[in-house]
Amino acid sequence: MPEMDGPMTLEALRTLPENAVTPVIFMTAKAQYQEVQRLLELGAIDIITKPYDPQKLSAEIQTKWNTFCHAA
């Protein structure tokens, strides 16, 4: 993204009341512990790391969403 990266975009979205608690799942190649922790601290419900299996992506997102919804 030319102007902002994912974390910056999430921080900007969180300033809008209607997006204060919107669930977010990041997809990133940056799977290092510190980066994952930063995204979770920003409010991501989970992180999908690249490379990923496109045939399993939908099911993986659904599982993460269901886990989040049942925990909330």
PDB file of N, CA and C in Angstrom:
ATOM      1  N   MET A   1       0.849  -1.165   0.000  1.00  0.00           N
ATOM      2  CA  MET A   1       0.000   0.000   0.000  1.00  0.00           C
ATOM      3  C   MET A   1       0.901   1.236   0.000  1.00  0.00           C
ATOM      4  N   PRO A   2       0.672   2.138  -0.916  1.00  0.00           N
ATOM      5  CA  PRO A   2       1.621   3.234  -1.101  1.00  0.00           C
ATOM      6  C   PRO A   2       1.687   4.250   0.031  1.00  0.00           C
ATOM      7  N   GLU A   3       0.593   4.565   0.662  1.00  0.00           N
ATOM      8  CA  GLU A   3       0.581   5.628   1.671  1.00  0.00           C
ATOM      9  C   GLU A   3       0.742   5.105   3.094  1.00  0.00           C
ATOM     10  N   MET A   4       0.071   3.997   3.384  1.00  0.00           N
ATOM     11  CA  MET A   4       0.059   3.467   4.745  1.00  0.00           C
ATOM     12  C   MET A   4       0.175   1.952   4.688  1.00  0.00           C
ATOM     13  N   ASP A   5       0.799   1.371   5.710  1.00  0.00           N
ATOM     14  CA  ASP A   5       0.840  -0.087   5.791  1.00  0.00           C
ATOM     15  C   ASP A   5      -0.394  -0.566   6.568  1.00  0.00           C
ATOM     16  N   GLY A   6      -0.525  -1.859   6.724  1.00  0.00           N
ATOM     17  CA  GLY A   6      -1.688  -2.426   7.409  1.00  0.00           C
ATOM     18  C   GLY A   6      -1.885  -1.923   8.823  1.00  0.00           C
ATOM     19  N   PRO A   7      -0.834  -1.944   9.661  1.00  0.00           N
ATOM     20  CA  PRO A   7      -0.997  -1.443  11.023  1.00  0.00           C
ATOM     21  C   PRO A   7      -1.408   0.027  11.068  1.00  0.00           C
ATOM     22  N   MET A   8      -0.847   0.849  10.196  1.00  0.00           N
ATOM     23  CA  MET A   8      -1.219   2.267  10.161  1.00  0.00           C
ATOM     24  C   MET A   8      -2.683   2.419   9.741  1.00  0.00           C
ATOM     25  N   THR A   9      -3.106   1.598   8.779  1.00  0.00           N
ATOM     26  CA  THR A   9      -4.496   1.644   8.339  1.00  0.00           C
ATOM     27  C   THR A   9      -5.433   1.263   9.470  1.00  0.00           C
ATOM     28  N   LEU A  10      -5.083   0.214  10.208  1.00  0.00           N
ATOM     29  CA  LEU A  10      -5.922  -0.200  11.335  1.00  0.00           C
ATOM     30  C   LEU A  10      -5.991   0.890  12.399  1.00  0.00           C
ATOM     31  N   GLU A  11      -4.868   1.505  12.708  1.00  0.00           N
ATOM     32  CA  GLU A  11      -4.872   2.583  13.698  1.00  0.00           C
ATOM     33  C   GLU A  11      -5.787   3.724  13.241  1.00  0.00           C
ATOM     34  N   ALA A  12      -5.747   4.064  11.962  1.00  0.00           N
ATOM     35  CA  ALA A  12      -6.605   5.128  11.435  1.00  0.00           C
ATOM     36  C   ALA A  12      -8.075   4.719  11.502  1.00  0.00           C
ATOM     37  N   LEU A  13      -8.377   3.476  11.150  1.00  0.00           N
ATOM     38  CA  LEU A  13      -9.756   3.007  11.211  1.00  0.00           C
ATOM     39  C   LEU A  13     -10.292   3.012  12.638  1.00  0.00           C
ATOM     40  N   ARG A  14      -9.456   2.686  13.595  1.00  0.00           N
ATOM     41  CA  ARG A  14      -9.882   2.620  14.996  1.00  0.00           C
ATOM     42  C   ARG A  14     -10.264   3.997  15.547  1.00  0.00           C
ATOM     43  N   THR A  15      -9.818   5.067  14.895  1.00  0.00           N
ATOM     44  CA  THR A  15     -10.183   6.408  15.366  1.00  0.00           C
ATOM     45  C   THR A  15     -11.619   6.749  15.007  1.00  0.00           C
ATOM     46  N   LEU A  16     -12.224   6.004  14.088  1.00  0.00           N
ATOM     47  CA  LEU A  16     -13.617   6.225  13.699  1.00  0.00           C
ATOM     48  C   LEU A  16     -14.511   5.384  14.598  1.00  0.00           C
ATOM     49  N   PRO A  17     -15.467   6.009  15.281  1.00  0.00           N
ATOM     50  CA  PRO A  17     -16.314   5.265  16.229  1.00  0.00           C
ATOM     51  C   PRO A  17     -16.959   4.018  15.634  1.00  0.00           C
ATOM     52  N   GLU A  18     -17.394   4.087  14.394  1.00  0.00           N
ATOM     53  CA  GLU A  18     -18.061   2.931  13.790  1.00  0.00           C
ATOM     54  C   GLU A  18     -17.100   1.781  13.497  1.00  0.00           C
ATOM     55  N   ASN A  19     -15.801   2.029  13.564  1.00  0.00           N
ATOM     56  CA  ASN A  19     -14.807   0.985  13.318  1.00  0.00           C
ATOM     57  C   ASN A  19     -13.993   0.644  14.566  1.00  0.00           C
ATOM     58  N   ALA A  20     -14.427   1.129  15.700  1.00  0.00           N
ATOM     59  CA  ALA A  20     -13.651   0.953  16.930  1.00  0.00           C
ATOM     60  C   ALA A  20     -13.474  -0.506  17.313  1.00  0.00           C
ATOM     61  N   VAL A  21     -14.439  -1.349  16.974  1.00  0.00           N
ATOM     62  CA  VAL A  21     -14.347  -2.762  17.360  1.00  0.00           C
ATOM     63  C   VAL A  21     -14.525  -3.707  16.167  1.00  0.00           C
ATOM     64  N   THR A  22     -14.355  -3.192  14.951  1.00  0.00           N
ATOM     65  CA  THR A  22     -14.471  -4.039  13.768  1.00  0.00           C
ATOM     66  C   THR A  22     -13.399  -5.124  13.814  1.00  0.00           C
ATOM     67  N   PRO A  23     -13.782  -6.395  13.694  1.00  0.00           N
ATOM     68  CA  PRO A  23     -12.787  -7.469  13.719  1.00  0.00           C
ATOM     69  C   PRO A  23     -11.874  -7.389  12.485  1.00  0.00           C
ATOM     70  N   VAL A  24     -10.596  -7.620  12.711  1.00  0.00           N
ATOM     71  CA  VAL A  24      -9.606  -7.560  11.643  1.00  0.00           C
ATOM     72  C   VAL A  24      -8.709  -8.787  11.711  1.00  0.00           C
ATOM     73  N   ILE A  25      -8.473  -9.390  10.558  1.00  0.00           N
ATOM     74  CA  ILE A  25      -7.495 -10.473  10.424  1.00  0.00           C
ATOM     75  C   ILE A  25      -6.442  -9.980   9.450  1.00  0.00           C
ATOM     76  N   PHE A  26      -5.195  -9.971   9.863  1.00  0.00           N
ATOM     77  CA  PHE A  26      -4.106  -9.558   8.996  1.00  0.00           C
ATOM     78  C   PHE A  26      -3.579 -10.743   8.207  1.00  0.00           C
ATOM     79  N   MET A  27      -3.156 -10.463   6.994  1.00  0.00           N
ATOM     80  CA  MET A  27      -2.442 -11.438   6.179  1.00  0.00           C
ATOM     81  C   MET A  27      -1.074 -10.815   5.901  1.00  0.00           C
ATOM     82  N   THR A  28      -0.027 -11.504   6.320  1.00  0.00           N
ATOM     83  CA  THR A  28       1.303 -10.921   6.231  1.00  0.00           C
ATOM     84  C   THR A  28       2.374 -11.979   6.027  1.00  0.00           C
ATOM     85  N   ALA A  29       3.466 -11.553   5.439  1.00  0.00           N
ATOM     86  CA  ALA A  29       4.635 -12.410   5.338  1.00  0.00           C
ATOM     87  C   ALA A  29       5.544 -12.206   6.548  1.00  0.00           C
ATOM     88  N   LYS A  30       5.266 -11.174   7.335  1.00  0.00           N
ATOM     89  CA  LYS A  30       6.067 -10.852   8.518  1.00  0.00           C
ATOM     90  C   LYS A  30       5.552 -11.666   9.697  1.00  0.00           C
ATOM     91  N   ALA A  31       6.043 -12.875   9.816  1.00  0.00           N
ATOM     92  CA  ALA A  31       5.544 -13.786  10.842  1.00  0.00           C
ATOM     93  C   ALA A  31       6.443 -13.828  12.070  1.00  0.00           C
ATOM     94  N   GLN A  32       7.318 -12.856  12.204  1.00  0.00           N
ATOM     95  CA  GLN A  32       8.182 -12.832  13.371  1.00  0.00           C
ATOM     96  C   GLN A  32       7.353 -12.503  14.613  1.00  0.00           C
ATOM     97  N   TYR A  33       7.759 -13.047  15.729  1.00  0.00           N
ATOM     98  CA  TYR A  33       7.009 -12.928  16.971  1.00  0.00           C
ATOM     99  C   TYR A  33       6.645 -11.479  17.291  1.00  0.00           C
ATOM    100  N   GLN A  34       7.615 -10.567  17.194  1.00  0.00           N
ATOM    101  CA  GLN A  34       7.370  -9.174  17.554  1.00  0.00           C
ATOM    102  C   GLN A  34       6.311  -8.552  16.657  1.00  0.00           C
ATOM    103  N   GLU A  35       6.350  -8.849  15.370  1.00  0.00           N
ATOM    104  CA  GLU A  35       5.370  -8.292  14.444  1.00  0.00           C
ATOM    105  C   GLU A  35       3.975  -8.850  14.722  1.00  0.00           C
ATOM    106  N   VAL A  36       3.880 -10.146  14.972  1.00  0.00           N
ATOM    107  CA  VAL A  36       2.587 -10.761  15.294  1.00  0.00           C
ATOM    108  C   VAL A  36       2.034 -10.154  16.572  1.00  0.00           C
ATOM    109  N   GLN A  37       2.865  -9.993  17.588  1.00  0.00           N
ATOM    110  CA  GLN A  37       2.425  -9.402  18.854  1.00  0.00           C
ATOM    111  C   GLN A  37       1.932  -7.977  18.650  1.00  0.00           C
ATOM    112  N   ARG A  38       2.636  -7.217  17.816  1.00  0.00           N
ATOM    113  CA  ARG A  38       2.221  -5.834  17.549  1.00  0.00           C
ATOM    114  C   ARG A  38       0.842  -5.801  16.907  1.00  0.00           C
ATOM    115  N   LEU A  39       0.595  -6.672  15.939  1.00  0.00           N
ATOM    116  CA  LEU A  39      -0.702  -6.698  15.269  1.00  0.00           C
ATOM    117  C   LEU A  39      -1.811  -7.103  16.229  1.00  0.00           C
ATOM    118  N   LEU A  40      -1.535  -8.061  17.088  1.00  0.00           N
ATOM    119  CA  LEU A  40      -2.534  -8.466  18.081  1.00  0.00           C
ATOM    120  C   LEU A  40      -2.806  -7.338  19.071  1.00  0.00           C
ATOM    121  N   GLU A  41      -1.759  -6.619  19.465  1.00  0.00           N
ATOM    122  CA  GLU A  41      -1.935  -5.495  20.387  1.00  0.00           C
ATOM    123  C   GLU A  41      -2.753  -4.373  19.751  1.00  0.00           C
ATOM    124  N   LEU A  42      -2.662  -4.243  18.434  1.00  0.00           N
ATOM    125  CA  LEU A  42      -3.448  -3.237  17.721  1.00  0.00           C
ATOM    126  C   LEU A  42      -4.912  -3.635  17.608  1.00  0.00           C
ATOM    127  N   GLY A  43      -5.220  -4.897  17.929  1.00  0.00           N
ATOM    128  CA  GLY A  43      -6.602  -5.331  17.915  1.00  0.00           C
ATOM    129  C   GLY A  43      -6.954  -6.365  16.870  1.00  0.00           C
ATOM    130  N   ALA A  44      -5.970  -6.881  16.162  1.00  0.00           N
ATOM    131  CA  ALA A  44      -6.260  -7.952  15.205  1.00  0.00           C
ATOM    132  C   ALA A  44      -6.757  -9.173  15.971  1.00  0.00           C
ATOM    133  N   ILE A  45      -7.754  -9.869  15.392  1.00  0.00           N
ATOM    134  CA  ILE A  45      -8.238 -11.071  16.069  1.00  0.00           C
ATOM    135  C   ILE A  45      -7.342 -12.254  15.758  1.00  0.00           C
ATOM    136  N   ASP A  46      -6.596 -12.159  14.653  1.00  0.00           N
ATOM    137  CA  ASP A  46      -5.645 -13.214  14.311  1.00  0.00           C
ATOM    138  C   ASP A  46      -4.819 -12.770  13.107  1.00  0.00           C
ATOM    139  N   ILE A  47      -3.812 -13.581  12.790  1.00  0.00           N
ATOM    140  CA  ILE A  47      -2.917 -13.296  11.683  1.00  0.00           C
ATOM    141  C   ILE A  47      -2.791 -14.545  10.826  1.00  0.00           C
ATOM    142  N   ILE A  48      -2.908 -14.370   9.525  1.00  0.00           N
ATOM    143  CA  ILE A  48      -2.667 -15.444   8.565  1.00  0.00           C
ATOM    144  C   ILE A  48      -1.330 -15.130   7.919  1.00  0.00           C
ATOM    145  N   THR A  49      -0.423 -16.078   7.967  1.00  0.00           N
ATOM    146  CA  THR A  49       0.899 -15.828   7.418  1.00  0.00           C
ATOM    147  C   THR A  49       1.013 -16.371   5.999  1.00  0.00           C
ATOM    148  N   LYS A  50       1.794 -15.655   5.209  1.00  0.00           N
ATOM    149  CA  LYS A  50       2.089 -16.077   3.842  1.00  0.00           C
ATOM    150  C   LYS A  50       3.333 -16.942   3.883  1.00  0.00           C
ATOM    151  N   PRO A  51       3.463 -17.903   3.050  1.00  0.00           N
ATOM    152  CA  PRO A  51       2.477 -18.302   2.041  1.00  0.00           C
ATOM    153  C   PRO A  51       1.325 -19.050   2.698  1.00  0.00           C
ATOM    154  N   TYR A  52       0.196 -18.999   2.075  1.00  0.00           N
ATOM    155  CA  TYR A  52      -0.988 -19.692   2.569  1.00  0.00           C
ATOM    156  C   TYR A  52      -1.551 -20.541   1.444  1.00  0.00           C
ATOM    157  N   ASP A  53      -2.384 -21.477   1.794  1.00  0.00           N
ATOM    158  CA  ASP A  53      -3.018 -22.356   0.812  1.00  0.00           C
ATOM    159  C   ASP A  53      -4.325 -21.697   0.373  1.00  0.00           C
ATOM    160  N   PRO A  54      -4.417 -21.205  -0.870  1.00  0.00           N
ATOM    161  CA  PRO A  54      -5.630 -20.524  -1.317  1.00  0.00           C
ATOM    162  C   PRO A  54      -6.879 -21.390  -1.235  1.00  0.00           C
ATOM    163  N   GLN A  55      -6.716 -22.692  -1.353  1.00  0.00           N
ATOM    164  CA  GLN A  55      -7.883 -23.577  -1.287  1.00  0.00           C
ATOM    165  C   GLN A  55      -8.410 -23.715   0.135  1.00  0.00           C
ATOM    166  N   LYS A  56      -7.575 -23.401   1.123  1.00  0.00           N
ATOM    167  CA  LYS A  56      -7.985 -23.516   2.523  1.00  0.00           C
ATOM    168  C   LYS A  56      -8.231 -22.162   3.176  1.00  0.00           C
ATOM    169  N   LEU A  57      -7.985 -21.082   2.441  1.00  0.00           N
ATOM    170  CA  LEU A  57      -8.063 -19.748   3.025  1.00  0.00           C
ATOM    171  C   LEU A  57      -9.450 -19.429   3.572  1.00  0.00           C
ATOM    172  N   SER A  58     -10.473 -19.690   2.810  1.00  0.00           N
ATOM    173  CA  SER A  58     -11.839 -19.386   3.250  1.00  0.00           C
ATOM    174  C   SER A  58     -12.177 -20.115   4.548  1.00  0.00           C
ATOM    175  N   ALA A  59     -11.845 -21.390   4.618  1.00  0.00           N
ATOM    176  CA  ALA A  59     -12.130 -22.173   5.820  1.00  0.00           C
ATOM    177  C   ALA A  59     -11.317 -21.652   7.009  1.00  0.00           C
ATOM    178  N   GLU A  60     -10.075 -21.252   6.761  1.00  0.00           N
ATOM    179  CA  GLU A  60      -9.238 -20.731   7.843  1.00  0.00           C
ATOM    180  C   GLU A  60      -9.817 -19.425   8.397  1.00  0.00           C
ATOM    181  N   ILE A  61     -10.256 -18.546   7.511  1.00  0.00           N
ATOM    182  CA  ILE A  61     -10.865 -17.295   7.955  1.00  0.00           C
ATOM    183  C   ILE A  61     -12.151 -17.576   8.725  1.00  0.00           C
ATOM    184  N   GLN A  62     -12.949 -18.499   8.231  1.00  0.00           N
ATOM    185  CA  GLN A  62     -14.200 -18.843   8.910  1.00  0.00           C
ATOM    186  C   GLN A  62     -13.940 -19.387  10.309  1.00  0.00           C
ATOM    187  N   THR A  63     -12.934 -20.228  10.454  1.00  0.00           N
ATOM    188  CA  THR A  63     -12.572 -20.781  11.759  1.00  0.00           C
ATOM    189  C   THR A  63     -12.140 -19.675  12.717  1.00  0.00           C
ATOM    190  N   LYS A  64     -11.291 -18.777  12.236  1.00  0.00           N
ATOM    191  CA  LYS A  64     -10.823 -17.675  13.082  1.00  0.00           C
ATOM    192  C   LYS A  64     -11.985 -16.764  13.480  1.00  0.00           C
ATOM    193  N   TRP A  65     -12.886 -16.502  12.527  1.00  0.00           N
ATOM    194  CA  TRP A  65     -14.053 -15.666  12.805  1.00  0.00           C
ATOM    195  C   TRP A  65     -14.949 -16.320  13.858  1.00  0.00           C
ATOM    196  N   ASN A  66     -15.221 -17.604  13.683  1.00  0.00           N
ATOM    197  CA  ASN A  66     -16.073 -18.320  14.634  1.00  0.00           C
ATOM    198  C   ASN A  66     -15.449 -18.335  16.026  1.00  0.00           C
ATOM    199  N   THR A  67     -14.154 -18.532  16.099  1.00  0.00           N
ATOM    200  CA  THR A  67     -13.451 -18.520  17.383  1.00  0.00           C
ATOM    201  C   THR A  67     -13.609 -17.165  18.038  1.00  0.00           C
ATOM    202  N   PHE A  68     -13.430 -16.110  17.258  1.00  0.00           N
ATOM    203  CA  PHE A  68     -13.571 -14.749  17.783  1.00  0.00           C
ATOM    204  C   PHE A  68     -14.994 -14.503  18.274  1.00  0.00           C
ATOM    205  N   CYS A  69     -15.978 -14.876  17.476  1.00  0.00           N
ATOM    206  CA  CYS A  69     -17.385 -14.622  17.830  1.00  0.00           C
ATOM    207  C   CYS A  69     -17.790 -15.372  19.093  1.00  0.00           C
ATOM    208  N   HIS A  70     -17.296 -16.577  19.266  1.00  0.00           N
ATOM    209  CA  HIS A  70     -17.651 -17.356  20.448  1.00  0.00           C
ATOM    210  C   HIS A  70     -16.923 -16.863  21.695  1.00  0.00           C
ATOM    211  N   ALA A  71     -15.771 -16.220  21.501  1.00  0.00           N
ATOM    212  CA  ALA A  71     -15.022 -15.698  22.637  1.00  0.00           C
ATOM    213  C   ALA A  71     -15.567 -14.338  23.084  1.00  0.00           C
ATOM    214  N   ALA A  72     -16.219 -13.632  22.173  1.00  0.00           N
ATOM    215  CA  ALA A  72     -16.698 -12.273  22.495  1.00  0.00           C
ATOM    216  C   ALA A  72     -17.950 -12.293  23.337  1.00  0.00           C
TER     217      ALA A  72
END
